Protein backbone atom coordinates (compact mmCIF):
# COMPACT_ATOMS: atom_id res chain seq x y z
CA UNK A 1 -30.35 -25.88 -68.89
CA UNK A 2 -31.82 -28.78 -70.60
CA UNK A 3 -29.01 -30.96 -70.10
CA UNK A 4 -29.00 -30.69 -66.87
CA UNK A 5 -30.31 -33.71 -64.59
CA UNK A 6 -32.14 -32.59 -61.52
CA UNK A 7 -34.83 -33.51 -59.74
CA UNK A 8 -36.22 -31.00 -57.83
CA UNK A 9 -38.24 -31.17 -54.82
CA UNK A 10 -41.29 -28.67 -53.80
CA UNK A 11 -40.98 -26.29 -51.85
CA UNK A 12 -44.75 -24.96 -52.24
CA UNK A 13 -45.57 -25.90 -48.67
CA UNK A 14 -42.59 -23.85 -46.79
CA UNK A 15 -43.95 -20.63 -48.77
CA UNK A 16 -41.47 -20.77 -51.54
CA UNK A 17 -41.89 -17.71 -54.25
CA UNK A 18 -44.08 -18.56 -57.18
CA UNK A 19 -41.00 -17.69 -59.42
CA UNK A 20 -39.54 -20.55 -60.94
CA UNK A 21 -36.06 -21.20 -58.84
CA UNK A 22 -32.89 -21.26 -60.54
CA UNK A 23 -31.67 -24.87 -61.22
CA UNK A 24 -28.39 -25.53 -59.76
CA UNK A 25 -26.03 -28.77 -61.34
CA UNK A 26 -24.66 -31.21 -59.16
CA UNK A 27 -21.86 -31.78 -61.28
CA UNK A 28 -20.40 -28.59 -61.92
CA UNK A 29 -19.18 -26.57 -58.70
CA UNK A 30 -17.50 -23.73 -60.73
CA UNK A 31 -20.70 -22.71 -62.26
CA UNK A 32 -22.91 -23.07 -58.76
CA UNK A 33 -19.90 -20.92 -56.58
CA UNK A 34 -20.65 -17.80 -59.66
CA UNK A 35 -24.28 -18.35 -59.59
CA UNK A 36 -23.49 -17.83 -55.62
CA UNK A 37 -21.44 -14.49 -55.94
CA UNK A 38 -24.03 -12.99 -58.40
CA UNK A 39 -26.62 -13.76 -55.76
CA UNK A 40 -24.53 -12.21 -53.30
CA UNK A 41 -23.61 -9.12 -55.44
CA UNK A 42 -26.99 -8.83 -55.66
CA UNK A 43 -27.32 -9.65 -59.97
CA UNK A 44 -29.64 -12.97 -58.97
CA UNK A 45 -32.66 -12.20 -57.16
CA UNK A 46 -34.07 -15.63 -56.35
CA UNK A 47 -31.78 -18.56 -55.57
CA UNK A 48 -32.99 -21.96 -54.31
CA UNK A 49 -31.23 -25.27 -53.79
CA UNK A 50 -32.50 -28.32 -54.58
CA UNK A 51 -30.67 -30.93 -56.42
CA UNK A 52 -30.74 -34.69 -56.45
CA UNK A 53 -30.62 -37.22 -52.95
CA UNK A 54 -27.45 -37.82 -51.91
CA UNK A 55 -28.24 -41.38 -51.72
CA UNK A 56 -28.12 -41.41 -55.50
CA UNK A 57 -24.69 -41.03 -55.37
CA UNK A 58 -23.25 -43.95 -53.53
CA UNK A 59 -20.22 -44.10 -51.17
CA UNK A 60 -19.85 -44.21 -47.42
CA UNK A 61 -21.58 -40.32 -46.95
CA UNK A 62 -21.65 -36.83 -47.84
CA UNK A 63 -17.69 -35.37 -49.18
CA UNK A 64 -16.65 -32.02 -47.71
CA UNK A 65 -16.61 -31.12 -50.95
CA UNK A 66 -20.34 -30.89 -51.33
CA UNK A 67 -21.04 -28.79 -48.75
CA UNK A 68 -21.29 -24.75 -49.93
CA UNK A 69 -21.36 -21.46 -48.60
CA UNK A 70 -24.74 -19.92 -48.37
CA UNK A 71 -25.04 -16.59 -49.87
CA UNK A 72 -27.08 -14.90 -47.47
CA UNK A 73 -25.36 -15.28 -43.81
CA UNK A 74 -22.33 -16.95 -44.66
CA UNK A 75 -23.36 -20.47 -43.28
CA UNK A 76 -22.61 -24.15 -44.65
CA UNK A 77 -25.14 -26.26 -46.50
CA UNK A 78 -25.01 -29.68 -48.12
CA UNK A 79 -25.74 -29.11 -51.94
CA UNK A 80 -28.95 -32.04 -51.79
CA UNK A 81 -30.36 -29.58 -49.12
CA UNK A 82 -33.51 -28.16 -49.93
CA UNK A 83 -33.14 -24.46 -48.91
CA UNK A 84 -35.61 -21.53 -49.83
CA UNK A 85 -33.59 -18.44 -51.18
CA UNK A 86 -35.23 -16.19 -48.25
CA UNK A 87 -33.81 -18.45 -45.79
CA UNK A 88 -31.08 -16.69 -43.57
CA UNK A 89 -28.12 -19.20 -42.22
CA UNK A 90 -25.44 -17.70 -39.98
CA UNK A 91 -21.67 -18.13 -39.87
CA UNK A 92 -20.72 -21.68 -38.15
CA UNK A 93 -24.09 -22.98 -38.92
CA UNK A 94 -24.33 -26.33 -41.00
CA UNK A 95 -26.76 -27.78 -43.25
CA UNK A 96 -26.74 -31.44 -44.14
CA UNK A 97 -27.57 -33.51 -46.36
CA UNK A 98 -31.56 -33.42 -47.57
CA UNK A 99 -32.79 -31.50 -45.35
CA UNK A 100 -35.54 -28.80 -45.90
CA UNK A 101 -35.71 -24.91 -44.66
CA UNK A 102 -38.96 -23.17 -45.75
CA UNK A 103 -39.05 -19.68 -46.40
CA UNK A 104 -38.00 -16.57 -43.91
CA UNK A 105 -36.42 -19.28 -41.95
CA UNK A 106 -33.39 -18.27 -39.11
CA UNK A 107 -30.76 -19.87 -38.51
CA UNK A 108 -28.08 -19.18 -35.68
CA UNK A 109 -24.63 -19.49 -35.63
CA UNK A 110 -23.16 -23.20 -34.27
CA UNK A 111 -26.44 -24.52 -34.88
CA UNK A 112 -26.90 -27.99 -36.90
CA UNK A 113 -30.04 -29.06 -39.10
CA UNK A 114 -29.14 -32.75 -39.26
CA UNK A 115 -29.78 -34.54 -42.49
CA UNK A 116 -33.63 -35.03 -43.13
CA UNK A 117 -34.67 -32.33 -41.40
CA UNK A 118 -37.33 -30.24 -42.24
CA UNK A 119 -38.19 -27.13 -41.05
CA UNK A 120 -41.22 -24.70 -41.78
CA UNK A 121 -41.53 -21.09 -42.70
CA UNK A 122 -40.73 -18.34 -40.61
CA UNK A 123 -38.90 -20.24 -37.57
CA UNK A 124 -36.37 -18.68 -35.77
CA UNK A 125 -33.93 -21.29 -34.32
CA UNK A 126 -31.23 -20.00 -31.88
CA UNK A 127 -27.58 -20.30 -31.39
CA UNK A 128 -25.97 -23.75 -30.75
CA UNK A 129 -29.20 -25.87 -31.63
CA UNK A 130 -29.15 -29.48 -32.66
CA UNK A 131 -31.53 -30.73 -34.60
CA UNK A 132 -31.80 -34.35 -35.80
CA UNK A 133 -33.84 -37.34 -36.84
CA UNK A 134 -37.42 -34.62 -36.52
CA UNK A 135 -39.45 -31.83 -38.17
CA UNK A 136 -40.46 -28.77 -36.97
CA UNK A 137 -43.31 -26.87 -38.16
CA UNK A 138 -43.67 -23.24 -39.18
CA UNK A 139 -43.70 -20.04 -36.86
CA UNK A 140 -41.64 -21.69 -33.91
CA UNK A 141 -39.00 -20.52 -32.24
CA UNK A 142 -36.06 -22.68 -31.10
CA UNK A 143 -33.48 -21.03 -28.47
CA UNK A 144 -30.32 -21.29 -27.76
CA UNK A 145 -29.05 -25.16 -26.84
CA UNK A 146 -32.09 -26.88 -27.88
CA UNK A 147 -31.48 -30.38 -28.49
CA UNK A 148 -34.18 -32.33 -30.65
CA UNK A 149 -34.41 -35.86 -32.09
CA UNK A 150 -31.40 -37.82 -30.16
CA UNK A 151 -32.01 -41.30 -28.94
CA UNK A 152 -34.45 -41.45 -26.09
CA UNK A 153 -33.02 -42.90 -22.89
CA UNK A 154 -34.04 -46.92 -23.42
CA UNK A 155 -31.86 -50.07 -22.38
CA UNK A 156 -32.84 -53.64 -21.47
CA UNK A 157 -31.10 -56.85 -20.07
CA UNK A 158 -29.55 -59.60 -21.44
CA UNK A 159 -29.26 -63.53 -20.41
CA UNK A 160 -25.77 -62.51 -19.23
CA UNK A 161 -26.88 -59.01 -16.99
CA UNK A 162 -25.59 -56.76 -19.96
CA UNK A 163 -26.98 -53.54 -20.51
CA UNK A 164 -28.19 -53.30 -24.25
CA UNK A 165 -29.62 -50.45 -26.40
CA UNK A 166 -33.27 -50.76 -27.57
CA UNK A 167 -33.41 -49.33 -31.31
CA UNK A 168 -34.86 -45.57 -31.33
CA UNK A 169 -35.41 -45.18 -34.96
CA UNK A 170 -38.81 -42.76 -35.27
CA UNK A 171 -38.56 -39.07 -35.26
CA UNK A 172 -39.84 -36.44 -33.21
CA UNK A 173 -42.52 -34.25 -34.64
CA UNK A 174 -42.81 -30.27 -33.40
CA UNK A 175 -46.06 -28.59 -34.08
CA UNK A 176 -46.46 -24.96 -35.81
CA UNK A 177 -46.42 -21.99 -33.55
CA UNK A 178 -44.44 -23.76 -30.95
CA UNK A 179 -41.65 -22.09 -28.37
CA UNK A 180 -38.77 -24.17 -27.22
CA UNK A 181 -36.81 -22.69 -24.37
CA UNK A 182 -32.79 -23.07 -23.99
CA UNK A 183 -31.37 -26.21 -23.27
CA UNK A 184 -34.59 -28.52 -23.26
CA UNK A 185 -33.88 -32.06 -24.91
CA UNK A 186 -37.04 -33.84 -26.96
CA UNK A 187 -35.83 -37.39 -27.47
CA UNK A 188 -36.68 -39.32 -30.79
CA UNK A 189 -39.12 -41.73 -31.01
CA UNK A 190 -38.89 -45.88 -30.31
CA UNK A 191 -42.51 -47.32 -30.81
CA UNK A 192 -44.19 -43.80 -31.73
CA UNK A 193 -42.63 -40.83 -32.84
CA UNK A 194 -42.43 -37.97 -29.60
CA UNK A 195 -44.66 -35.52 -30.51
CA UNK A 196 -45.31 -31.48 -29.69
CA UNK A 197 -48.47 -30.17 -30.55
CA UNK A 198 -48.98 -26.88 -32.27
CA UNK A 199 -48.93 -23.87 -30.18
CA UNK A 200 -47.24 -25.43 -26.91
CA UNK A 201 -44.67 -23.49 -25.17
CA UNK A 202 -41.68 -25.16 -23.23
CA UNK A 203 -39.39 -23.12 -21.22
CA UNK A 204 -35.89 -23.82 -20.07
CA UNK A 205 -34.22 -26.94 -18.65
CA UNK A 206 -37.38 -29.02 -20.30
CA UNK A 207 -36.63 -33.10 -20.44
CA UNK A 208 -39.16 -34.74 -23.03
CA UNK A 209 -38.71 -38.35 -23.34
CA UNK A 210 -39.16 -40.68 -25.87
CA UNK A 211 -42.82 -41.46 -27.65
CA UNK A 212 -44.06 -39.08 -25.32
CA UNK A 213 -47.07 -36.90 -26.98
CA UNK A 214 -48.01 -33.46 -25.95
CA UNK A 215 -50.96 -31.84 -27.26
CA UNK A 216 -51.65 -28.86 -27.92
CA UNK A 217 -51.64 -25.40 -26.43
CA UNK A 218 -49.61 -26.68 -23.57
CA UNK A 219 -47.57 -25.07 -21.07
CA UNK A 220 -44.33 -27.02 -20.20
CA UNK A 221 -42.57 -25.04 -17.20
CA UNK A 222 -39.11 -24.74 -16.04
CA UNK A 223 -37.28 -28.30 -15.08
CA UNK A 224 -40.41 -30.12 -16.06
CA UNK A 225 -39.90 -34.06 -16.86
CA UNK A 226 -41.87 -36.19 -18.67
CA UNK A 227 -40.96 -39.58 -18.76
CA UNK A 228 -41.26 -41.68 -21.97
CA UNK A 229 -44.30 -42.61 -23.43
CA UNK A 230 -46.37 -40.77 -21.37
CA UNK A 231 -49.86 -38.48 -23.20
CA UNK A 232 -50.41 -35.05 -21.91
CA UNK A 233 -53.91 -34.07 -23.77
CA UNK A 234 -54.40 -30.03 -24.78
CA UNK A 235 -54.66 -26.96 -22.73
CA UNK A 236 -52.31 -29.01 -20.16
CA UNK A 237 -50.27 -26.90 -17.89
CA UNK A 238 -47.14 -28.05 -15.64
CA UNK A 239 -45.62 -26.50 -12.71
CA UNK A 240 -41.95 -25.90 -12.36
CA UNK A 241 -40.20 -29.16 -11.52
CA UNK A 242 -43.59 -30.75 -12.12
CA UNK A 243 -42.89 -34.61 -13.36
CA UNK A 244 -44.79 -37.22 -15.24
CA UNK A 245 -43.54 -40.97 -14.96
CA UNK A 246 -43.81 -43.18 -18.30
CA UNK A 247 -46.97 -44.74 -19.93
CA UNK A 248 -48.81 -42.07 -18.01
CA UNK A 249 -51.89 -40.04 -19.61
CA UNK A 250 -53.19 -36.83 -18.50
CA UNK A 251 -56.56 -35.54 -19.75
CA UNK A 252 -57.26 -31.81 -21.39
CA UNK A 253 -57.34 -28.94 -19.21
CA UNK A 254 -55.24 -30.17 -16.32
CA UNK A 255 -52.98 -27.81 -14.45
CA UNK A 256 -49.91 -29.54 -12.11
CA UNK A 257 -48.67 -27.60 -9.18
CA UNK A 258 -44.75 -27.25 -9.02
CA UNK A 259 -43.11 -30.01 -7.53
CA UNK A 260 -46.17 -32.30 -8.15
CA UNK A 261 -45.26 -35.78 -9.91
CA UNK A 262 -47.51 -37.68 -11.81
CA UNK A 263 -47.63 -41.02 -10.94
CA UNK A 264 -50.89 -42.89 -12.10
CA UNK A 265 -53.67 -41.36 -14.85
CA UNK A 266 -55.46 -38.00 -14.54
CA UNK A 267 -58.87 -38.66 -16.18
CA UNK A 268 -60.66 -35.80 -14.82
CA UNK A 269 -59.91 -31.90 -15.92
CA UNK A 270 -59.25 -30.16 -13.17
CA UNK A 271 -56.05 -28.68 -10.83
CA UNK A 272 -53.97 -31.10 -8.93
CA UNK A 273 -50.70 -31.32 -7.02
CA UNK A 274 -48.35 -33.15 -4.82
CA UNK A 275 -46.48 -36.37 -4.92
CA UNK A 276 -48.72 -38.63 -5.81
CA UNK A 277 -50.50 -35.86 -7.59
CA UNK A 278 -54.07 -35.16 -6.29
CA UNK A 279 -56.84 -33.21 -6.69
CA UNK A 280 -55.67 -29.30 -5.56
CA UNK A 281 -58.23 -29.73 -2.47
CA UNK A 282 -56.88 -32.48 -0.89
CA UNK A 283 -53.43 -31.48 -1.53
CA UNK A 284 -53.82 -28.41 0.04
CA UNK A 285 -55.36 -30.32 2.98
CA UNK A 286 -52.48 -32.57 3.17
CA UNK A 287 -50.47 -29.80 3.14
CA UNK A 288 -52.13 -28.09 6.72
CA UNK A 289 -52.41 -31.58 8.73
CA UNK A 290 -48.58 -31.86 7.91
CA UNK A 291 -48.15 -28.70 9.10
CA UNK A 292 -45.99 -27.13 6.14
CA UNK A 293 -45.70 -23.64 5.08
């Protein structure tokens, strides 16, 4: 073991076992496969992967030979990924270079964990999820079909009238104990990270644009749309199909009725509704005066 040139990443923040992990040489593929076989047969009780950075090898990107089969579930992982031995990666899932998976993470079939993505301990990821350019906290639930970390919808017009893409270079940061419903999309940031605060709960089919910041313990119901660079405080609740325009700020402890739209800052806590959103009492009087049922 003394001859192995291996640089380890620490798994302590993600609940790694206190025992010293087994070191895997990146150059001895046969030795690694034998270790995996022994682990699968129960002869080795603790196995983790932590090898040198993929960037140190040079070249144009990872080779298919650098992907291996994870013994706990049969999924595929890159040898530079750092995975706790208790993680379950189902058949058909792929973990890309430099990704980090904490203890007791569950990755469903068809899911792709992109390069350098970090997933905290005890997070459960469903089927056909795409995680890239993001970090995910501990004890989260990510349902089927969720996409996190893709480019935001940002463009500019050049002198010739052509639409040019604005750089989208930052990440999305998902806090602890967050639940994200099926087919929800959360874009990565461009001038600041997109952030979802701890304990927030997001329903199915929600769109969160680039640079949006969502506070802790927020509730976003189905088909909510939050445009880029919007900011929500803590304990904000948005009813179904509610919308928030770009660069708008909503203070903490605001509740927004379904089908409402926020087009200007909300600075006082309370209940709001309508298009544009106004205090709930004013909105109700508007509804009655117009004869809506």
